[in-house]
Amino acid sequence: AIRRDLEAQLRPIQEYATNVMFDPKLDEGLYLIGAGVRKKSVVKVYAVAVYSSAFVLNSASSTTALRDAARTFDASTPTTSFVLEMVYSASAEKIGGAIADSVKPRYSG
């Protein structure tokens, strides 16, 4: 009952650089952790949102802890999902390269 009441208060957020709106919760039960934009030079390529399980939200004791948990791709974050919203027309190869460049420093697997 408490979770249902809290979920009723959740609102979409707008990524500020692109004005893309992201839902606070996905159908899979994942919650919005944060959003941002991927740029190549001065071009905004896509807006991205990170969603994770309620476990991540419940275990985060501060904004810093939440950020760190969302950036960790291991057993402590068993379900993490990214939603991309393209804001610039680019080839699939260029998009894949930009995503790989962005994730590589944070992923050791």
PDB file of N, CA and C in Angstrom:
ATOM      1  N   ALA A   1       0.823  -1.193   0.000  1.00  0.00           N
ATOM      2  CA  ALA A   1       0.000   0.000   0.000  1.00  0.00           C
ATOM      3  C   ALA A   1       0.867   1.258   0.000  1.00  0.00           C
ATOM      4  N   ILE A   2       1.962   1.237   0.754  1.00  0.00           N
ATOM      5  CA  ILE A   2       2.828   2.409   0.820  1.00  0.00           C
ATOM      6  C   ILE A   2       3.475   2.666  -0.538  1.00  0.00           C
ATOM      7  N   ARG A   3       3.965   1.593  -1.163  1.00  0.00           N
ATOM      8  CA  ARG A   3       4.600   1.762  -2.477  1.00  0.00           C
ATOM      9  C   ARG A   3       3.603   2.302  -3.489  1.00  0.00           C
ATOM     10  N   ARG A   4       2.373   1.804  -3.465  1.00  0.00           N
ATOM     11  CA  ARG A   4       1.350   2.270  -4.397  1.00  0.00           C
ATOM     12  C   ARG A   4       1.086   3.761  -4.199  1.00  0.00           C
ATOM     13  N   ASP A   5       1.029   4.214  -2.933  1.00  0.00           N
ATOM     14  CA  ASP A   5       0.808   5.625  -2.641  1.00  0.00           C
ATOM     15  C   ASP A   5       1.981   6.476  -3.138  1.00  0.00           C
ATOM     16  N   LEU A   6       3.206   5.977  -2.942  1.00  0.00           N
ATOM     17  CA  LEU A   6       4.381   6.706  -3.413  1.00  0.00           C
ATOM     18  C   LEU A   6       4.422   6.756  -4.932  1.00  0.00           C
ATOM     19  N   GLU A   7       4.102   5.642  -5.577  1.00  0.00           N
ATOM     20  CA  GLU A   7       4.109   5.607  -7.042  1.00  0.00           C
ATOM     21  C   GLU A   7       3.086   6.569  -7.627  1.00  0.00           C
ATOM     22  N   ALA A   8       1.985   6.787  -6.947  1.00  0.00           N
ATOM     23  CA  ALA A   8       0.963   7.716  -7.421  1.00  0.00           C
ATOM     24  C   ALA A   8       1.493   9.152  -7.455  1.00  0.00           C
ATOM     25  N   GLN A   9       2.531   9.432  -6.685  1.00  0.00           N
ATOM     26  CA  GLN A   9       3.104  10.775  -6.626  1.00  0.00           C
ATOM     27  C   GLN A   9       4.227  10.991  -7.642  1.00  0.00           C
ATOM     28  N   LEU A  10       4.686   9.915  -8.268  1.00  0.00           N
ATOM     29  CA  LEU A  10       5.776  10.026  -9.237  1.00  0.00           C
ATOM     30  C   LEU A  10       5.321  10.776 -10.481  1.00  0.00           C
ATOM     31  N   ARG A  11       6.221  11.598 -11.020  1.00  0.00           N
ATOM     32  CA  ARG A  11       5.918  12.374 -12.220  1.00  0.00           C
ATOM     33  C   ARG A  11       7.050  12.198 -13.230  1.00  0.00           C
ATOM     34  N   PRO A  12       6.736  12.323 -14.506  1.00  0.00           N
ATOM     35  CA  PRO A  12       7.799  12.268 -15.517  1.00  0.00           C
ATOM     36  C   PRO A  12       8.792  13.405 -15.293  1.00  0.00           C
ATOM     37  N   ILE A  13      10.025  13.206 -15.753  1.00  0.00           N
ATOM     38  CA  ILE A  13      10.988  14.298 -15.692  1.00  0.00           C
ATOM     39  C   ILE A  13      11.433  14.637 -17.107  1.00  0.00           C
ATOM     40  N   GLN A  14      11.872  15.870 -17.273  1.00  0.00           N
ATOM     41  CA  GLN A  14      12.313  16.356 -18.564  1.00  0.00           C
ATOM     42  C   GLN A  14      13.834  16.519 -18.537  1.00  0.00           C
ATOM     43  N   GLU A  15      14.512  15.896 -19.490  1.00  0.00           N
ATOM     44  CA  GLU A  15      15.953  16.078 -19.612  1.00  0.00           C
ATOM     45  C   GLU A  15      16.151  17.499 -20.128  1.00  0.00           C
ATOM     46  N   TYR A  16      16.902  18.305 -19.396  1.00  0.00           N
ATOM     47  CA  TYR A  16      16.922  19.741 -19.654  1.00  0.00           C
ATOM     48  C   TYR A  16      17.554  20.158 -20.979  1.00  0.00           C
ATOM     49  N   ALA A  17      18.588  19.469 -21.447  1.00  0.00           N
ATOM     50  CA  ALA A  17      19.282  19.901 -22.664  1.00  0.00           C
ATOM     51  C   ALA A  17      18.503  19.600 -23.933  1.00  0.00           C
ATOM     52  N   THR A  18      17.665  18.565 -23.903  1.00  0.00           N
ATOM     53  CA  THR A  18      16.933  18.137 -25.099  1.00  0.00           C
ATOM     54  C   THR A  18      15.425  18.307 -24.981  1.00  0.00           C
ATOM     55  N   ASN A  19      14.941  18.566 -23.776  1.00  0.00           N
ATOM     56  CA  ASN A  19      13.501  18.674 -23.495  1.00  0.00           C
ATOM     57  C   ASN A  19      12.753  17.357 -23.653  1.00  0.00           C
ATOM     58  N   VAL A  20      13.460  16.237 -23.694  1.00  0.00           N
ATOM     59  CA  VAL A  20      12.823  14.919 -23.800  1.00  0.00           C
ATOM     60  C   VAL A  20      12.252  14.540 -22.436  1.00  0.00           C
ATOM     61  N   MET A  21      11.021  14.037 -22.438  1.00  0.00           N
ATOM     62  CA  MET A  21      10.358  13.614 -21.203  1.00  0.00           C
ATOM     63  C   MET A  21      10.539  12.109 -21.008  1.00  0.00           C
ATOM     64  N   PHE A  22      10.798  11.717 -19.758  1.00  0.00           N
ATOM     65  CA  PHE A  22      10.928  10.308 -19.405  1.00  0.00           C
ATOM     66  C   PHE A  22       9.944   9.965 -18.295  1.00  0.00           C
ATOM     67  N   ASP A  23       9.280   8.805 -18.451  1.00  0.00           N
ATOM     68  CA  ASP A  23       8.336   8.330 -17.436  1.00  0.00           C
ATOM     69  C   ASP A  23       9.094   7.947 -16.163  1.00  0.00           C
ATOM     70  N   PRO A  24       8.454   8.106 -15.000  1.00  0.00           N
ATOM     71  CA  PRO A  24       9.127   7.785 -13.739  1.00  0.00           C
ATOM     72  C   PRO A  24       9.262   6.291 -13.473  1.00  0.00           C
ATOM     73  N   LYS A  25       8.474   5.473 -14.193  1.00  0.00           N
ATOM     74  CA  LYS A  25       8.513   4.024 -13.972  1.00  0.00           C
ATOM     75  C   LYS A  25       8.194   3.321 -15.283  1.00  0.00           C
ATOM     76  N   LEU A  26       8.931   2.242 -15.556  1.00  0.00           N
ATOM     77  CA  LEU A  26       8.647   1.413 -16.724  1.00  0.00           C
ATOM     78  C   LEU A  26       7.692   0.295 -16.341  1.00  0.00           C
ATOM     79  N   ASP A  27       7.034  -0.295 -17.337  1.00  0.00           N
ATOM     80  CA  ASP A  27       6.094  -1.396 -17.093  1.00  0.00           C
ATOM     81  C   ASP A  27       6.761  -2.584 -16.412  1.00  0.00           C
ATOM     82  N   GLU A  28       8.064  -2.744 -16.614  1.00  0.00           N
ATOM     83  CA  GLU A  28       8.805  -3.859 -16.028  1.00  0.00           C
ATOM     84  C   GLU A  28       9.068  -3.665 -14.535  1.00  0.00           C
ATOM     85  N   GLY A  29       8.584  -2.573 -13.953  1.00  0.00           N
ATOM     86  CA  GLY A  29       8.785  -2.321 -12.529  1.00  0.00           C
ATOM     87  C   GLY A  29      10.099  -1.623 -12.218  1.00  0.00           C
ATOM     88  N   LEU A  30      10.718  -1.037 -13.227  1.00  0.00           N
ATOM     89  CA  LEU A  30      11.971  -0.309 -13.025  1.00  0.00           C
ATOM     90  C   LEU A  30      11.681   1.173 -12.832  1.00  0.00           C
ATOM     91  N   TYR A  31      12.475   1.800 -11.961  1.00  0.00           N
ATOM     92  CA  TYR A  31      12.257   3.203 -11.607  1.00  0.00           C
ATOM     93  C   TYR A  31      13.347   4.094 -12.188  1.00  0.00           C
ATOM     94  N   LEU A  32      12.947   5.293 -12.555  1.00  0.00           N
ATOM     95  CA  LEU A  32      13.874   6.261 -13.126  1.00  0.00           C
ATOM     96  C   LEU A  32      14.898   6.691 -12.081  1.00  0.00           C
ATOM     97  N   ILE A  33      16.167   6.519 -12.424  1.00  0.00           N
ATOM     98  CA  ILE A  33      17.267   6.898 -11.541  1.00  0.00           C
ATOM     99  C   ILE A  33      17.825   8.252 -11.952  1.00  0.00           C
ATOM    100  N   GLY A  34      17.910   8.488 -13.240  1.00  0.00           N
ATOM    101  CA  GLY A  34      18.446   9.758 -13.722  1.00  0.00           C
ATOM    102  C   GLY A  34      18.375   9.847 -15.229  1.00  0.00           C
ATOM    103  N   ALA A  35      18.668  11.036 -15.741  1.00  0.00           N
ATOM    104  CA  ALA A  35      18.627  11.262 -17.182  1.00  0.00           C
ATOM    105  C   ALA A  35      19.751  12.208 -17.571  1.00  0.00           C
ATOM    106  N   GLY A  36      20.132  12.134 -18.837  1.00  0.00           N
ATOM    107  CA  GLY A  36      21.180  13.003 -19.335  1.00  0.00           C
ATOM    108  C   GLY A  36      21.171  13.028 -20.839  1.00  0.00           C
ATOM    109  N   VAL A  37      22.198  13.624 -21.396  1.00  0.00           N
ATOM    110  CA  VAL A  37      22.306  13.762 -22.838  1.00  0.00           C
ATOM    111  C   VAL A  37      23.687  13.307 -23.278  1.00  0.00           C
ATOM    112  N   ARG A  38      23.760  12.690 -24.436  1.00  0.00           N
ATOM    113  CA  ARG A  38      25.040  12.283 -25.028  1.00  0.00           C
ATOM    114  C   ARG A  38      25.334  13.265 -26.143  1.00  0.00           C
ATOM    115  N   LYS A  39      26.499  13.912 -26.052  1.00  0.00           N
ATOM    116  CA  LYS A  39      26.917  14.869 -27.067  1.00  0.00           C
ATOM    117  C   LYS A  39      28.167  14.360 -27.766  1.00  0.00           C
ATOM    118  N   LYS A  40      28.261  14.639 -29.022  1.00  0.00           N
ATOM    119  CA  LYS A  40      29.482  14.460 -29.797  1.00  0.00           C
ATOM    120  C   LYS A  40      29.819  15.857 -30.304  1.00  0.00           C
ATOM    121  N   SER A  41      30.916  16.399 -29.795  1.00  0.00           N
ATOM    122  CA  SER A  41      31.290  17.774 -30.060  1.00  0.00           C
ATOM    123  C   SER A  41      30.186  18.658 -29.485  1.00  0.00           C
ATOM    124  N   VAL A  42      29.521  19.462 -30.283  1.00  0.00           N
ATOM    125  CA  VAL A  42      28.443  20.312 -29.766  1.00  0.00           C
ATOM    126  C   VAL A  42      27.064  19.788 -30.147  1.00  0.00           C
ATOM    127  N   VAL A  43      27.018  18.638 -30.833  1.00  0.00           N
ATOM    128  CA  VAL A  43      25.754  18.071 -31.305  1.00  0.00           C
ATOM    129  C   VAL A  43      25.152  17.165 -30.236  1.00  0.00           C
ATOM    130  N   LYS A  44      23.902  17.416 -29.896  1.00  0.00           N
ATOM    131  CA  LYS A  44      23.166  16.555 -28.974  1.00  0.00           C
ATOM    132  C   LYS A  44      22.673  15.353 -29.771  1.00  0.00           C
ATOM    133  N   VAL A  45      23.212  14.162 -29.461  1.00  0.00           N
ATOM    134  CA  VAL A  45      22.901  12.969 -30.231  1.00  0.00           C
ATOM    135  C   VAL A  45      21.634  12.302 -29.694  1.00  0.00           C
ATOM    136  N   TYR A  46      21.591  12.040 -28.386  1.00  0.00           N
ATOM    137  CA  TYR A  46      20.411  11.421 -27.803  1.00  0.00           C
ATOM    138  C   TYR A  46      20.291  11.763 -26.323  1.00  0.00           C
ATOM    139  N   ALA A  47      19.059  11.712 -25.852  1.00  0.00           N
ATOM    140  CA  ALA A  47      18.788  11.813 -24.419  1.00  0.00           C
ATOM    141  C   ALA A  47      18.697  10.382 -23.908  1.00  0.00           C
ATOM    142  N   VAL A  48      19.177  10.156 -22.702  1.00  0.00           N
ATOM    143  CA  VAL A  48      19.175   8.810 -22.133  1.00  0.00           C
ATOM    144  C   VAL A  48      18.645   8.867 -20.701  1.00  0.00           C
ATOM    145  N   ALA A  49      17.877   7.844 -20.352  1.00  0.00           N
ATOM    146  CA  ALA A  49      17.395   7.695 -18.982  1.00  0.00           C
ATOM    147  C   ALA A  49      17.861   6.346 -18.459  1.00  0.00           C
ATOM    148  N   VAL A  50      18.218   6.310 -17.191  1.00  0.00           N
ATOM    149  CA  VAL A  50      18.646   5.072 -16.533  1.00  0.00           C
ATOM    150  C   VAL A  50      17.525   4.652 -15.596  1.00  0.00           C
ATOM    151  N   TYR A  51      17.102   3.402 -15.739  1.00  0.00           N
ATOM    152  CA  TYR A  51      16.075   2.828 -14.869  1.00  0.00           C
ATOM    153  C   TYR A  51      16.675   1.639 -14.135  1.00  0.00           C
ATOM    154  N   SER A  52      16.289   1.457 -12.877  1.00  0.00           N
ATOM    155  CA  SER A  52      16.766   0.316 -12.120  1.00  0.00           C
ATOM    156  C   SER A  52      15.677  -0.152 -11.159  1.00  0.00           C
ATOM    157  N   SER A  53      15.985  -1.222 -10.462  1.00  0.00           N
ATOM    158  CA  SER A  53      14.998  -1.839  -9.570  1.00  0.00           C
ATOM    159  C   SER A  53      14.764  -1.000  -8.321  1.00  0.00           C
ATOM    160  N   ALA A  54      13.697  -1.295  -7.641  1.00  0.00           N
ATOM    161  CA  ALA A  54      13.387  -0.616  -6.378  1.00  0.00           C
ATOM    162  C   ALA A  54      14.493  -0.854  -5.361  1.00  0.00           C
ATOM    163  N   PHE A  55      15.201  -1.985  -5.464  1.00  0.00           N
ATOM    164  CA  PHE A  55      16.302  -2.288  -4.558  1.00  0.00           C
ATOM    165  C   PHE A  55      17.354  -1.177  -4.579  1.00  0.00           C
ATOM    166  N   VAL A  56      17.688  -0.692  -5.761  1.00  0.00           N
ATOM    167  CA  VAL A  56      18.679   0.382  -5.880  1.00  0.00           C
ATOM    168  C   VAL A  56      18.181   1.638  -5.197  1.00  0.00           C
ATOM    169  N   LEU A  57      16.917   1.979  -5.411  1.00  0.00           N
ATOM    170  CA  LEU A  57      16.360   3.168  -4.761  1.00  0.00           C
ATOM    171  C   LEU A  57      16.348   3.013  -3.247  1.00  0.00           C
ATOM    172  N   ASN A  58      15.965   1.834  -2.776  1.00  0.00           N
ATOM    173  CA  ASN A  58      15.879   1.605  -1.333  1.00  0.00           C
ATOM    174  C   ASN A  58      17.239   1.581  -0.660  1.00  0.00           C
ATOM    175  N   SER A  59      18.275   1.152  -1.378  1.00  0.00           N
ATOM    176  CA  SER A  59      19.599   1.025  -0.769  1.00  0.00           C
ATOM    177  C   SER A  59      20.406   2.309  -0.834  1.00  0.00           C
ATOM    178  N   ALA A  60      19.951   3.272  -1.592  1.00  0.00           N
ATOM    179  CA  ALA A  60      20.696   4.529  -1.725  1.00  0.00           C
ATOM    180  C   ALA A  60      20.387   5.453  -0.557  1.00  0.00           C
ATOM    181  N   SER A  61      21.408   5.771   0.212  1.00  0.00           N
ATOM    182  CA  SER A  61      21.232   6.622   1.389  1.00  0.00           C
ATOM    183  C   SER A  61      21.429   8.097   1.083  1.00  0.00           C
ATOM    184  N   SER A  62      21.920   8.406  -0.105  1.00  0.00           N
ATOM    185  CA  SER A  62      22.148   9.796  -0.501  1.00  0.00           C
ATOM    186  C   SER A  62      22.133   9.891  -2.019  1.00  0.00           C
ATOM    187  N   THR A  63      22.152  11.107  -2.529  1.00  0.00           N
ATOM    188  CA  THR A  63      22.210  11.310  -3.968  1.00  0.00           C
ATOM    189  C   THR A  63      23.482  10.699  -4.542  1.00  0.00           C
ATOM    190  N   THR A  64      24.581  10.851  -3.832  1.00  0.00           N
ATOM    191  CA  THR A  64      25.856  10.281  -4.281  1.00  0.00           C
ATOM    192  C   THR A  64      25.787   8.757  -4.324  1.00  0.00           C
ATOM    193  N   ALA A  65      25.193   8.145  -3.300  1.00  0.00           N
ATOM    194  CA  ALA A  65      25.064   6.686  -3.266  1.00  0.00           C
ATOM    195  C   ALA A  65      24.170   6.202  -4.404  1.00  0.00           C
ATOM    196  N   LEU A  66      23.120   6.953  -4.702  1.00  0.00           N
ATOM    197  CA  LEU A  66      22.227   6.595  -5.807  1.00  0.00           C
ATOM    198  C   LEU A  66      22.977   6.682  -7.134  1.00  0.00           C
ATOM    199  N   ARG A  67      23.733   7.749  -7.338  1.00  0.00           N
ATOM    200  CA  ARG A  67      24.522   7.903  -8.558  1.00  0.00           C
ATOM    201  C   ARG A  67      25.527   6.756  -8.709  1.00  0.00           C
ATOM    202  N   ASP A  68      26.216   6.435  -7.628  1.00  0.00           N
ATOM    203  CA  ASP A  68      27.204   5.361  -7.669  1.00  0.00           C
ATOM    204  C   ASP A  68      26.546   4.011  -7.962  1.00  0.00           C
ATOM    205  N   ALA A  69      25.389   3.757  -7.345  1.00  0.00           N
ATOM    206  CA  ALA A  69      24.680   2.493  -7.587  1.00  0.00           C
ATOM    207  C   ALA A  69      24.225   2.395  -9.036  1.00  0.00           C
ATOM    208  N   ALA A  70      23.755   3.501  -9.588  1.00  0.00           N
ATOM    209  CA  ALA A  70      23.283   3.499 -10.971  1.00  0.00           C
ATOM    210  C   ALA A  70      24.423   3.306 -11.961  1.00  0.00           C
ATOM    211  N   ARG A  71      25.643   3.676 -11.582  1.00  0.00           N
ATOM    212  CA  ARG A  71      26.801   3.542 -12.468  1.00  0.00           C
ATOM    213  C   ARG A  71      27.517   2.209 -12.309  1.00  0.00           C
ATOM    214  N   THR A  72      27.052   1.378 -11.410  1.00  0.00           N
ATOM    215  CA  THR A  72      27.675   0.089 -11.168  1.00  0.00           C
ATOM    216  C   THR A  72      26.890  -0.992 -11.899  1.00  0.00           C
ATOM    217  N   PHE A  73      27.559  -1.708 -12.777  1.00  0.00           N
ATOM    218  CA  PHE A  73      26.910  -2.769 -13.532  1.00  0.00           C
ATOM    219  C   PHE A  73      27.440  -4.099 -13.021  1.00  0.00           C
ATOM    220  N   ASP A  74      26.837  -4.602 -11.935  1.00  0.00           N
ATOM    221  CA  ASP A  74      27.252  -5.885 -11.383  1.00  0.00           C
ATOM    222  C   ASP A  74      26.075  -6.508 -10.640  1.00  0.00           C
ATOM    223  N   ALA A  75      26.341  -7.475  -9.784  1.00  0.00           N
ATOM    224  CA  ALA A  75      25.277  -8.191  -9.074  1.00  0.00           C
ATOM    225  C   ALA A  75      24.445  -7.292  -8.172  1.00  0.00           C
ATOM    226  N   SER A  76      24.989  -6.140  -7.743  1.00  0.00           N
ATOM    227  CA  SER A  76      24.215  -5.253  -6.867  1.00  0.00           C
ATOM    228  C   SER A  76      23.120  -4.518  -7.634  1.00  0.00           C
ATOM    229  N   THR A  77      23.222  -4.456  -8.949  1.00  0.00           N
ATOM    230  CA  THR A  77      22.183  -3.848  -9.787  1.00  0.00           C
ATOM    231  C   THR A  77      21.754  -4.863 -10.834  1.00  0.00           C
ATOM    232  N   PRO A  78      21.041  -5.903 -10.401  1.00  0.00           N
ATOM    233  CA  PRO A  78      20.721  -6.996 -11.310  1.00  0.00           C
ATOM    234  C   PRO A  78      19.863  -6.585 -12.498  1.00  0.00           C
ATOM    235  N   THR A  79      19.077  -5.560 -12.350  1.00  0.00           N
ATOM    236  CA  THR A  79      18.240  -5.128 -13.455  1.00  0.00           C
ATOM    237  C   THR A  79      18.406  -3.633 -13.645  1.00  0.00           C
ATOM    238  N   THR A  80      19.082  -3.269 -14.704  1.00  0.00           N
ATOM    239  CA  THR A  80      19.254  -1.871 -15.080  1.00  0.00           C
ATOM    240  C   THR A  80      18.930  -1.767 -16.555  1.00  0.00           C
ATOM    241  N   SER A  81      18.205  -0.728 -16.910  1.00  0.00           N
ATOM    242  CA  SER A  81      17.801  -0.551 -18.296  1.00  0.00           C
ATOM    243  C   SER A  81      18.042   0.896 -18.711  1.00  0.00           C
ATOM    244  N   PHE A  82      18.360   1.089 -19.976  1.00  0.00           N
ATOM    245  CA  PHE A  82      18.561   2.419 -20.532  1.00  0.00           C
ATOM    246  C   PHE A  82      17.509   2.664 -21.596  1.00  0.00           C
ATOM    247  N   VAL A  83      16.953   3.865 -21.602  1.00  0.00           N
ATOM    248  CA  VAL A  83      16.011   4.264 -22.640  1.00  0.00           C
ATOM    249  C   VAL A  83      16.656   5.433 -23.380  1.00  0.00           C
ATOM    250  N   LEU A  84      16.819   5.259 -24.689  1.00  0.00           N
ATOM    251  CA  LEU A  84      17.409   6.303 -25.518  1.00  0.00           C
ATOM    252  C   LEU A  84      16.340   6.954 -26.366  1.00  0.00           C
ATOM    253  N   GLU A  85      16.405   8.252 -26.456  1.00  0.00           N
ATOM    254  CA  GLU A  85      15.499   9.013 -27.314  1.00  0.00           C
ATOM    255  C   GLU A  85      16.383   9.827 -28.250  1.00  0.00           C
ATOM    256  N   MET A  86      16.374   9.461 -29.524  1.00  0.00           N
ATOM    257  CA  MET A  86      17.233  10.133 -30.492  1.00  0.00           C
ATOM    258  C   MET A  86      16.761  11.570 -30.722  1.00  0.00           C
ATOM    259  N   VAL A  87      17.708  12.499 -30.721  1.00  0.00           N
ATOM    260  CA  VAL A  87      17.380  13.892 -31.005  1.00  0.00           C
ATOM    261  C   VAL A  87      18.155  14.396 -32.229  1.00  0.00           C
ATOM    262  N   TYR A  88      19.016  13.536 -32.783  1.00  0.00           N
ATOM    263  CA  TYR A  88      19.813  13.874 -33.962  1.00  0.00           C
ATOM    264  C   TYR A  88      19.831  12.659 -34.872  1.00  0.00           C
ATOM    265  N   SER A  89      19.635  12.871 -36.139  1.00  0.00           N
ATOM    266  CA  SER A  89      19.626  11.765 -37.083  1.00  0.00           C
ATOM    267  C   SER A  89      21.062  11.304 -37.337  1.00  0.00           C
ATOM    268  N   ALA A  90      21.309  10.020 -37.075  1.00  0.00           N
ATOM    269  CA  ALA A  90      22.635   9.448 -37.268  1.00  0.00           C
ATOM    270  C   ALA A  90      22.484   7.986 -37.675  1.00  0.00           C
ATOM    271  N   SER A  91      23.531   7.424 -38.276  1.00  0.00           N
ATOM    272  CA  SER A  91      23.486   6.023 -38.688  1.00  0.00           C
ATOM    273  C   SER A  91      23.544   5.108 -37.466  1.00  0.00           C
ATOM    274  N   ALA A  92      23.083   3.880 -37.638  1.00  0.00           N
ATOM    275  CA  ALA A  92      23.121   2.901 -36.548  1.00  0.00           C
ATOM    276  C   ALA A  92      24.551   2.666 -36.085  1.00  0.00           C
ATOM    277  N   GLU A  93      25.504   2.667 -37.006  1.00  0.00           N
ATOM    278  CA  GLU A  93      26.911   2.454 -36.655  1.00  0.00           C
ATOM    279  C   GLU A  93      27.438   3.586 -35.765  1.00  0.00           C
ATOM    280  N   LYS A  94      27.109   4.821 -36.120  1.00  0.00           N
ATOM    281  CA  LYS A  94      27.552   5.959 -35.311  1.00  0.00           C
ATOM    282  C   LYS A  94      26.883   5.952 -33.939  1.00  0.00           C
ATOM    283  N   ILE A  95      25.605   5.608 -33.890  1.00  0.00           N
ATOM    284  CA  ILE A  95      24.894   5.546 -32.614  1.00  0.00           C
ATOM    285  C   ILE A  95      25.506   4.467 -31.727  1.00  0.00           C
ATOM    286  N   GLY A  96      25.738   3.284 -32.295  1.00  0.00           N
ATOM    287  CA  GLY A  96      26.355   2.193 -31.534  1.00  0.00           C
ATOM    288  C   GLY A  96      27.714   2.582 -31.000  1.00  0.00           C
ATOM    289  N   GLY A  97      28.511   3.267 -31.803  1.00  0.00           N
ATOM    290  CA  GLY A  97      29.830   3.720 -31.364  1.00  0.00           C
ATOM    291  C   GLY A  97      29.749   4.722 -30.229  1.00  0.00           C
ATOM    292  N   ALA A  98      28.800   5.643 -30.310  1.00  0.00           N
ATOM    293  CA  ALA A  98      28.630   6.641 -29.246  1.00  0.00           C
ATOM    294  C   ALA A  98      28.207   5.983 -27.945  1.00  0.00           C
ATOM    295  N   ILE A  99      27.315   5.008 -28.030  1.00  0.00           N
ATOM    296  CA  ILE A  99      26.876   4.296 -26.823  1.00  0.00           C
ATOM    297  C   ILE A  99      28.040   3.521 -26.227  1.00  0.00           C
ATOM    298  N   ALA A 100      28.778   2.811 -27.051  1.00  0.00           N
ATOM    299  CA  ALA A 100      29.924   2.031 -26.566  1.00  0.00           C
ATOM    300  C   ALA A 100      30.955   2.942 -25.913  1.00  0.00           C
ATOM    301  N   ASP A 101      31.257   4.089 -26.526  1.00  0.00           N
ATOM    302  CA  ASP A 101      32.217   5.036 -25.954  1.00  0.00           C
ATOM    303  C   ASP A 101      31.755   5.553 -24.603  1.00  0.00           C
ATOM    304  N   SER A 102      30.453   5.755 -24.469  1.00  0.00           N
ATOM    305  CA  SER A 102      29.899   6.297 -23.224  1.00  0.00           C
ATOM    306  C   SER A 102      29.902   5.270 -22.094  1.00  0.00           C
ATOM    307  N   VAL A 103      29.587   4.017 -22.409  1.00  0.00           N
ATOM    308  CA  VAL A 103      29.446   2.980 -21.384  1.00  0.00           C
ATOM    309  C   VAL A 103      30.787   2.342 -21.021  1.00  0.00           C
ATOM    310  N   LYS A 104      31.703   2.244 -21.967  1.00  0.00           N
ATOM    311  CA  LYS A 104      32.966   1.522 -21.759  1.00  0.00           C
ATOM    312  C   LYS A 104      33.705   1.911 -20.478  1.00  0.00           C
ATOM    313  N   PRO A 105      33.848   3.198 -20.132  1.00  0.00           N
ATOM    314  CA  PRO A 105      34.591   3.547 -18.912  1.00  0.00           C
ATOM    315  C   PRO A 105      33.926   3.058 -17.618  1.00  0.00           C
ATOM    316  N   ARG A 106      32.630   2.754 -17.677  1.00  0.00           N
ATOM    317  CA  ARG A 106      31.894   2.376 -16.471  1.00  0.00           C
ATOM    318  C   ARG A 106      31.639   0.869 -16.368  1.00  0.00           C
ATOM    319  N   TYR A 107      31.982   0.138 -17.402  1.00  0.00           N
ATOM    320  CA  TYR A 107      31.654  -1.281 -17.457  1.00  0.00           C
ATOM    321  C   TYR A 107      32.934  -2.095 -17.553  1.00  0.00           C
ATOM    322  N   SER A 108      33.104  -3.011 -16.619  1.00  0.00           N
ATOM    323  CA  SER A 108      34.328  -3.810 -16.620  1.00  0.00           C
ATOM    324  C   SER A 108      34.100  -5.248 -17.063  1.00  0.00           C
ATOM    325  N   GLY A 109      32.884  -5.589 -17.524  1.00  0.00           N
ATOM    326  CA  GLY A 109      32.555  -6.965 -17.875  1.00  0.00           C
ATOM    327  C   GLY A 109      32.772  -7.323 -19.236  1.00  0.00           C
TER     328      GLY A 109
END
